Amino acid sequence: MVKLRVRPTASQVIKQDEADGLPRKLRLRSKASKAI
């Protein structure tokens, strides 16, 4: 429990990175689907 409280910002940063990476993956998938 203490560890989770110690670094709440780390989890938020990771979530932000994932949120930024999702649209990129979706774009790559859309391009791949069009190529196929």
N, C-alpha and C. Protein backbone atom coordinates (compact mmCIF):
# COMPACT_ATOMS: atom_id res chain seq x y z
N MET A 1 0.85 -1.20 0.00
CA MET A 1 0.00 0.00 0.00
C MET A 1 0.88 1.25 0.00
N VAL A 2 1.94 1.22 0.81
CA VAL A 2 2.81 2.39 0.90
C VAL A 2 3.49 2.66 -0.45
N LYS A 3 3.94 1.61 -1.11
CA LYS A 3 4.64 1.79 -2.39
C LYS A 3 3.71 2.45 -3.41
N LEU A 4 2.45 2.04 -3.42
CA LEU A 4 1.51 2.63 -4.38
C LEU A 4 1.36 4.12 -4.12
N ARG A 5 1.39 4.50 -2.85
CA ARG A 5 1.23 5.93 -2.53
C ARG A 5 2.51 6.70 -2.81
N VAL A 6 3.64 6.02 -2.73
CA VAL A 6 4.92 6.70 -2.91
C VAL A 6 5.05 7.25 -4.32
N ARG A 7 4.65 6.45 -5.30
CA ARG A 7 4.82 6.93 -6.69
C ARG A 7 3.53 6.83 -7.50
N PRO A 8 2.60 7.76 -7.27
CA PRO A 8 1.37 7.78 -8.06
C PRO A 8 1.63 8.46 -9.41
N THR A 9 2.64 9.30 -9.45
CA THR A 9 2.95 10.03 -10.68
C THR A 9 3.51 9.07 -11.73
N ALA A 10 4.27 8.07 -11.29
CA ALA A 10 4.86 7.11 -12.24
C ALA A 10 3.75 6.41 -13.02
N SER A 11 2.71 5.99 -12.32
CA SER A 11 1.60 5.29 -12.99
C SER A 11 0.91 6.25 -13.96
N GLN A 12 0.79 7.51 -13.58
CA GLN A 12 0.13 8.48 -14.45
C GLN A 12 0.97 8.70 -15.71
N VAL A 13 2.28 8.77 -15.54
CA VAL A 13 3.17 8.98 -16.69
C VAL A 13 3.06 7.79 -17.63
N ILE A 14 3.04 6.58 -17.07
CA ILE A 14 2.93 5.38 -17.90
C ILE A 14 1.60 5.41 -18.66
N LYS A 15 0.53 5.80 -17.99
CA LYS A 15 -0.78 5.86 -18.65
C LYS A 15 -0.73 6.87 -19.79
N GLN A 16 -0.07 8.00 -19.57
CA GLN A 16 0.02 9.02 -20.62
C GLN A 16 0.80 8.47 -21.81
N ASP A 17 1.90 7.75 -21.52
CA ASP A 17 2.71 7.18 -22.61
C ASP A 17 1.87 6.20 -23.40
N GLU A 18 1.09 5.37 -22.71
CA GLU A 18 0.24 4.40 -23.40
C GLU A 18 -0.81 5.13 -24.24
N ALA A 19 -1.36 6.21 -23.69
CA ALA A 19 -2.39 6.97 -24.41
C ALA A 19 -1.78 7.57 -25.68
N ASP A 20 -0.53 8.01 -25.59
CA ASP A 20 0.13 8.59 -26.77
C ASP A 20 0.45 7.50 -27.79
N GLY A 21 0.75 6.29 -27.30
CA GLY A 21 1.13 5.20 -28.20
C GLY A 21 -0.08 4.57 -28.88
N LEU A 22 -1.24 4.63 -28.24
CA LEU A 22 -2.43 3.99 -28.82
C LEU A 22 -2.79 4.56 -30.18
N PRO A 23 -2.92 5.87 -30.35
CA PRO A 23 -3.28 6.43 -31.65
C PRO A 23 -2.27 6.06 -32.72
N ARG A 24 -0.99 5.97 -32.34
CA ARG A 24 0.04 5.61 -33.33
C ARG A 24 -0.19 4.18 -33.80
N LYS A 25 -0.47 3.28 -32.87
CA LYS A 25 -0.71 1.88 -33.24
C LYS A 25 -1.96 1.78 -34.10
N LEU A 26 -2.99 2.54 -33.75
CA LEU A 26 -4.24 2.48 -34.53
C LEU A 26 -3.98 2.96 -35.95
N ARG A 27 -3.16 3.98 -36.10
CA ARG A 27 -2.87 4.51 -37.44
C ARG A 27 -2.10 3.45 -38.24
N LEU A 28 -1.14 2.80 -37.59
CA LEU A 28 -0.36 1.77 -38.29
C LEU A 28 -1.28 0.64 -38.71
N ARG A 29 -2.21 0.27 -37.83
CA ARG A 29 -3.13 -0.82 -38.15
C ARG A 29 -4.03 -0.42 -39.30
N SER A 30 -4.51 0.81 -39.30
CA SER A 30 -5.40 1.27 -40.38
C SER A 30 -4.65 1.24 -41.71
N LYS A 31 -3.39 1.65 -41.70
CA LYS A 31 -2.59 1.63 -42.93
C LYS A 31 -2.37 0.19 -43.38
N ALA A 32 -2.09 -0.69 -42.43
CA ALA A 32 -1.85 -2.10 -42.76
C ALA A 32 -3.11 -2.72 -43.35
N SER A 33 -4.25 -2.41 -42.76
CA SER A 33 -5.52 -2.99 -43.26
C SER A 33 -5.79 -2.48 -44.68
N LYS A 34 -5.45 -1.22 -44.96
CA LYS A 34 -5.68 -0.68 -46.31
C LYS A 34 -4.73 -1.33 -47.30
N ALA A 35 -3.50 -1.59 -46.86
CA ALA A 35 -2.51 -2.21 -47.74
C ALA A 35 -2.95 -3.62 -48.10
N ILE A 36 -3.54 -4.31 -47.14
CA ILE A 36 -3.98 -5.69 -47.40
C ILE A 36 -5.18 -5.66 -48.33
